[in-house]
Amino acid sequence: MAKYLALYSNCFRLFRVPAYKRYKSLATSSVMPAYKRYKSLATSSVTPDLPLPPSYSALAEKFHCMDTVVNMLQKRREIATFTKLRRAVQEMCRRYICVCVP
């Protein structure tokens, strides 16, 4: 019984100590900050092991061209219509874009 009373009284002593003193050892520990620990994940320059299939890489190229054209049109404060986008993307990709309607 005396064991439990000693444990109980130690518990109350913990709460009488200010928080900055209780957790001082945690603040001064040698653990690196998260932004330093995970910096390699944000700045990884590793190329993927598997390349994209040709159809996906062509689609990615067209999307990149379209994004560039839309940004240029917005800087000129023009409206991005389908005909303007289609013509500009065809010129940038040097490929014909077919609009197939089922």
N, C-alpha and C. Protein backbone atom coordinates (compact mmCIF):
# COMPACT_ATOMS: atom_id res chain seq x y z
N MET A 1 0.82 -1.20 0.00
CA MET A 1 0.00 0.00 0.00
C MET A 1 0.86 1.27 0.00
N ALA A 2 1.97 1.20 0.70
CA ALA A 2 2.87 2.35 0.79
C ALA A 2 3.46 2.65 -0.58
N LYS A 3 3.66 1.59 -1.36
CA LYS A 3 4.20 1.77 -2.71
C LYS A 3 3.27 2.62 -3.56
N TYR A 4 1.97 2.31 -3.47
CA TYR A 4 1.00 3.04 -4.28
C TYR A 4 0.86 4.48 -3.82
N LEU A 5 0.95 4.70 -2.50
CA LEU A 5 0.88 6.07 -2.00
C LEU A 5 2.09 6.88 -2.45
N ALA A 6 3.26 6.27 -2.48
CA ALA A 6 4.46 6.97 -2.94
C ALA A 6 4.33 7.32 -4.41
N LEU A 7 3.81 6.38 -5.20
CA LEU A 7 3.61 6.63 -6.63
C LEU A 7 2.59 7.73 -6.85
N TYR A 8 1.52 7.70 -6.05
CA TYR A 8 0.46 8.70 -6.15
C TYR A 8 0.99 10.08 -5.80
N SER A 9 1.81 10.18 -4.75
CA SER A 9 2.35 11.48 -4.36
C SER A 9 3.37 11.97 -5.38
N ASN A 10 4.14 11.06 -6.00
CA ASN A 10 5.08 11.47 -7.06
C ASN A 10 4.33 12.02 -8.26
N CYS A 11 3.18 11.47 -8.53
CA CYS A 11 2.37 11.94 -9.66
C CYS A 11 1.94 13.39 -9.43
N PHE A 12 1.54 13.70 -8.19
CA PHE A 12 1.12 15.06 -7.90
C PHE A 12 2.29 16.03 -7.90
N ARG A 13 3.49 15.55 -7.55
CA ARG A 13 4.66 16.41 -7.61
C ARG A 13 4.98 16.81 -9.03
N LEU A 14 4.74 15.90 -9.96
CA LEU A 14 4.99 16.21 -11.37
C LEU A 14 4.16 17.39 -11.83
N PHE A 15 2.92 17.43 -11.37
CA PHE A 15 2.03 18.49 -11.84
C PHE A 15 2.31 19.82 -11.16
N ARG A 16 3.02 19.80 -10.04
CA ARG A 16 3.37 21.04 -9.37
C ARG A 16 4.58 21.71 -10.03
N VAL A 17 5.38 20.94 -10.76
CA VAL A 17 6.55 21.49 -11.45
C VAL A 17 6.07 22.18 -12.72
N PRO A 18 6.54 23.40 -13.00
CA PRO A 18 6.12 24.09 -14.21
C PRO A 18 6.48 23.29 -15.47
N ALA A 19 5.69 23.47 -16.49
CA ALA A 19 5.85 22.69 -17.71
C ALA A 19 7.20 22.93 -18.37
N TYR A 20 7.69 24.17 -18.32
CA TYR A 20 8.97 24.43 -18.99
C TYR A 20 10.12 23.70 -18.32
N LYS A 21 9.99 23.37 -17.04
CA LYS A 21 11.04 22.60 -16.37
C LYS A 21 10.87 21.11 -16.61
N ARG A 22 9.62 20.65 -16.69
CA ARG A 22 9.37 19.23 -16.91
C ARG A 22 9.86 18.77 -18.28
N TYR A 23 9.62 19.58 -19.29
CA TYR A 23 9.93 19.18 -20.66
C TYR A 23 11.19 19.83 -21.21
N LYS A 24 12.02 20.34 -20.32
CA LYS A 24 13.25 21.01 -20.77
C LYS A 24 14.18 20.02 -21.46
N SER A 25 14.21 18.80 -20.98
CA SER A 25 15.10 17.80 -21.58
C SER A 25 14.66 17.46 -23.00
N LEU A 26 13.36 17.52 -23.26
CA LEU A 26 12.88 17.24 -24.62
C LEU A 26 13.27 18.35 -25.58
N ALA A 27 13.25 19.59 -25.10
CA ALA A 27 13.57 20.72 -25.97
C ALA A 27 15.05 20.76 -26.32
N THR A 28 15.89 20.28 -25.44
CA THR A 28 17.33 20.34 -25.70
C THR A 28 17.87 19.02 -26.23
N SER A 29 17.02 18.13 -26.67
CA SER A 29 17.50 16.85 -27.18
C SER A 29 18.21 17.04 -28.52
N SER A 30 18.97 16.05 -28.93
CA SER A 30 19.78 16.17 -30.14
C SER A 30 19.04 15.69 -31.39
N VAL A 31 17.72 15.67 -31.37
CA VAL A 31 16.95 15.26 -32.54
C VAL A 31 16.95 16.40 -33.56
N MET A 32 17.23 16.05 -34.82
CA MET A 32 17.25 17.06 -35.86
C MET A 32 15.83 17.54 -36.16
N PRO A 33 15.66 18.80 -36.55
CA PRO A 33 14.33 19.28 -36.91
C PRO A 33 13.81 18.55 -38.15
N ALA A 34 12.51 18.51 -38.29
CA ALA A 34 11.88 17.76 -39.38
C ALA A 34 12.27 18.33 -40.74
N TYR A 35 12.39 19.65 -40.85
CA TYR A 35 12.72 20.22 -42.15
C TYR A 35 14.11 19.81 -42.61
N LYS A 36 15.00 19.50 -41.67
CA LYS A 36 16.33 19.02 -42.06
C LYS A 36 16.32 17.51 -42.33
N ARG A 37 15.52 16.77 -41.52
CA ARG A 37 15.47 15.32 -41.69
C ARG A 37 14.88 14.92 -43.03
N TYR A 38 13.84 15.63 -43.47
CA TYR A 38 13.13 15.24 -44.68
C TYR A 38 13.45 16.13 -45.88
N LYS A 39 14.55 16.86 -45.82
CA LYS A 39 14.93 17.75 -46.92
C LYS A 39 15.20 16.95 -48.19
N SER A 40 15.75 15.77 -48.05
CA SER A 40 16.08 14.95 -49.23
C SER A 40 14.83 14.54 -50.00
N LEU A 41 13.70 14.42 -49.32
CA LEU A 41 12.46 14.06 -50.01
C LEU A 41 11.96 15.19 -50.89
N ALA A 42 12.16 16.42 -50.44
CA ALA A 42 11.67 17.56 -51.20
C ALA A 42 12.60 17.92 -52.35
N THR A 43 13.89 17.66 -52.22
CA THR A 43 14.85 18.05 -53.25
C THR A 43 15.44 16.83 -53.95
N SER A 44 14.66 15.80 -54.10
CA SER A 44 15.20 14.60 -54.72
C SER A 44 15.30 14.79 -56.24
N SER A 45 16.44 14.48 -56.78
CA SER A 45 16.65 14.60 -58.22
C SER A 45 16.80 13.22 -58.84
N VAL A 46 16.15 12.24 -58.25
CA VAL A 46 16.24 10.87 -58.72
C VAL A 46 15.29 10.69 -59.90
N THR A 47 15.78 10.13 -60.98
CA THR A 47 14.92 9.87 -62.12
C THR A 47 14.15 8.58 -61.87
N PRO A 48 12.94 8.48 -62.38
CA PRO A 48 12.17 7.26 -62.15
C PRO A 48 12.79 6.08 -62.88
N ASP A 49 12.60 4.89 -62.31
CA ASP A 49 13.18 3.68 -62.90
C ASP A 49 12.50 3.31 -64.22
N LEU A 50 11.19 3.50 -64.28
CA LEU A 50 10.45 3.12 -65.47
C LEU A 50 10.04 4.37 -66.25
N PRO A 51 10.34 4.42 -67.54
CA PRO A 51 9.90 5.57 -68.33
C PRO A 51 8.41 5.48 -68.63
N LEU A 52 7.83 6.62 -68.99
CA LEU A 52 6.41 6.63 -69.36
C LEU A 52 6.23 5.93 -70.71
N PRO A 53 5.07 5.32 -70.93
CA PRO A 53 4.78 4.77 -72.26
C PRO A 53 4.73 5.91 -73.28
N PRO A 54 4.96 5.60 -74.55
CA PRO A 54 4.99 6.67 -75.57
C PRO A 54 3.71 7.50 -75.64
N SER A 55 2.57 6.87 -75.49
CA SER A 55 1.31 7.63 -75.56
C SER A 55 1.20 8.61 -74.39
N TYR A 56 1.65 8.19 -73.20
CA TYR A 56 1.60 9.08 -72.04
C TYR A 56 2.62 10.21 -72.15
N SER A 57 3.79 9.91 -72.68
CA SER A 57 4.79 10.97 -72.82
C SER A 57 4.35 11.99 -73.87
N ALA A 58 3.66 11.54 -74.93
CA ALA A 58 3.12 12.47 -75.92
C ALA A 58 2.04 13.33 -75.29
N LEU A 59 1.20 12.73 -74.47
CA LEU A 59 0.15 13.47 -73.79
C LEU A 59 0.75 14.49 -72.83
N ALA A 60 1.81 14.10 -72.11
CA ALA A 60 2.48 15.02 -71.19
C ALA A 60 3.10 16.19 -71.95
N GLU A 61 3.66 15.92 -73.12
CA GLU A 61 4.25 16.99 -73.94
C GLU A 61 3.17 17.96 -74.41
N LYS A 62 2.03 17.43 -74.84
CA LYS A 62 0.94 18.30 -75.29
C LYS A 62 0.40 19.13 -74.14
N PHE A 63 0.28 18.52 -72.98
CA PHE A 63 -0.20 19.26 -71.82
C PHE A 63 0.76 20.38 -71.44
N HIS A 64 2.07 20.09 -71.48
CA HIS A 64 3.06 21.12 -71.17
C HIS A 64 2.98 22.27 -72.18
N CYS A 65 2.82 21.94 -73.44
CA CYS A 65 2.68 22.99 -74.47
C CYS A 65 1.42 23.81 -74.24
N MET A 66 0.31 23.14 -73.91
CA MET A 66 -0.94 23.85 -73.68
C MET A 66 -0.82 24.77 -72.47
N ASP A 67 -0.15 24.31 -71.43
CA ASP A 67 0.04 25.13 -70.24
C ASP A 67 0.86 26.37 -70.57
N THR A 68 1.89 26.21 -71.38
CA THR A 68 2.71 27.34 -71.79
C THR A 68 1.90 28.36 -72.59
N VAL A 69 1.08 27.86 -73.52
CA VAL A 69 0.28 28.75 -74.37
C VAL A 69 -0.75 29.50 -73.54
N VAL A 70 -1.40 28.81 -72.61
CA VAL A 70 -2.41 29.46 -71.77
C VAL A 70 -1.76 30.54 -70.92
N ASN A 71 -0.58 30.28 -70.39
CA ASN A 71 0.12 31.30 -69.60
C ASN A 71 0.46 32.52 -70.46
N MET A 72 0.91 32.29 -71.69
CA MET A 72 1.24 33.42 -72.57
C MET A 72 -0.01 34.23 -72.90
N LEU A 73 -1.12 33.53 -73.16
CA LEU A 73 -2.36 34.25 -73.48
C LEU A 73 -2.86 35.04 -72.28
N GLN A 74 -2.72 34.51 -71.10
CA GLN A 74 -3.15 35.25 -69.91
C GLN A 74 -2.28 36.48 -69.68
N LYS A 75 -1.00 36.39 -69.97
CA LYS A 75 -0.13 37.56 -69.80
C LYS A 75 -0.50 38.65 -70.79
N ARG A 76 -0.97 38.23 -71.97
CA ARG A 76 -1.42 39.22 -72.96
C ARG A 76 -2.85 39.66 -72.73
N ARG A 77 -3.49 39.09 -71.72
CA ARG A 77 -4.89 39.37 -71.39
C ARG A 77 -5.83 39.04 -72.55
N GLU A 78 -5.56 37.91 -73.19
CA GLU A 78 -6.43 37.41 -74.27
C GLU A 78 -7.24 36.24 -73.75
N ILE A 79 -8.33 35.97 -74.43
CA ILE A 79 -9.16 34.83 -74.07
C ILE A 79 -8.59 33.59 -74.74
N ALA A 80 -8.45 32.52 -73.98
CA ALA A 80 -7.92 31.27 -74.52
C ALA A 80 -9.06 30.46 -75.11
N THR A 81 -9.18 30.49 -76.41
CA THR A 81 -10.21 29.68 -77.08
C THR A 81 -9.58 28.41 -77.62
N PHE A 82 -10.44 27.47 -77.99
CA PHE A 82 -9.94 26.18 -78.47
C PHE A 82 -9.14 26.34 -79.76
N THR A 83 -9.60 27.17 -80.66
CA THR A 83 -8.89 27.33 -81.93
C THR A 83 -7.49 27.92 -81.73
N LYS A 84 -7.38 28.92 -80.82
CA LYS A 84 -6.06 29.49 -80.53
C LYS A 84 -5.15 28.46 -79.89
N LEU A 85 -5.69 27.72 -78.93
CA LEU A 85 -4.88 26.70 -78.25
C LEU A 85 -4.45 25.61 -79.22
N ARG A 86 -5.38 25.14 -80.05
CA ARG A 86 -5.07 24.05 -80.96
C ARG A 86 -3.96 24.43 -81.93
N ARG A 87 -4.07 25.61 -82.50
CA ARG A 87 -3.07 26.06 -83.47
C ARG A 87 -1.71 26.22 -82.81
N ALA A 88 -1.67 26.83 -81.63
CA ALA A 88 -0.40 27.07 -80.95
C ALA A 88 0.24 25.76 -80.48
N VAL A 89 -0.57 24.83 -79.98
CA VAL A 89 -0.02 23.55 -79.51
C VAL A 89 0.50 22.74 -80.69
N GLN A 90 -0.20 22.79 -81.81
CA GLN A 90 0.29 22.09 -83.01
C GLN A 90 1.63 22.64 -83.46
N GLU A 91 1.79 23.94 -83.39
CA GLU A 91 3.07 24.54 -83.79
C GLU A 91 4.18 24.18 -82.81
N MET A 92 3.87 24.18 -81.52
CA MET A 92 4.90 23.86 -80.53
C MET A 92 5.29 22.39 -80.56
N CYS A 93 4.32 21.51 -80.70
CA CYS A 93 4.59 20.07 -80.70
C CYS A 93 5.02 19.56 -82.07
N ARG A 94 4.72 20.33 -83.11
CA ARG A 94 4.96 19.92 -84.49
C ARG A 94 4.21 18.63 -84.81
N ARG A 95 3.00 18.54 -84.29
CA ARG A 95 2.14 17.39 -84.54
C ARG A 95 0.73 17.88 -84.79
N TYR A 96 -0.01 17.11 -85.56
CA TYR A 96 -1.38 17.43 -85.86
C TYR A 96 -2.28 16.92 -84.73
N ILE A 97 -3.19 17.75 -84.27
CA ILE A 97 -4.11 17.35 -83.22
C ILE A 97 -5.46 17.09 -83.86
N CYS A 98 -5.90 15.87 -83.77
CA CYS A 98 -7.18 15.47 -84.35
C CYS A 98 -8.26 15.54 -83.29
N VAL A 99 -9.36 16.16 -83.63
CA VAL A 99 -10.50 16.22 -82.73
C VAL A 99 -11.50 15.19 -83.21
N CYS A 100 -11.55 14.06 -82.54
CA CYS A 100 -12.43 12.98 -82.93
C CYS A 100 -13.67 13.01 -82.05
N VAL A 101 -14.82 13.21 -82.68
CA VAL A 101 -16.08 13.24 -81.95
C VAL A 101 -16.82 11.95 -82.25
N PRO A 102 -17.15 11.17 -81.23
CA PRO A 102 -17.84 9.89 -81.50
C PRO A 102 -19.27 10.07 -81.92
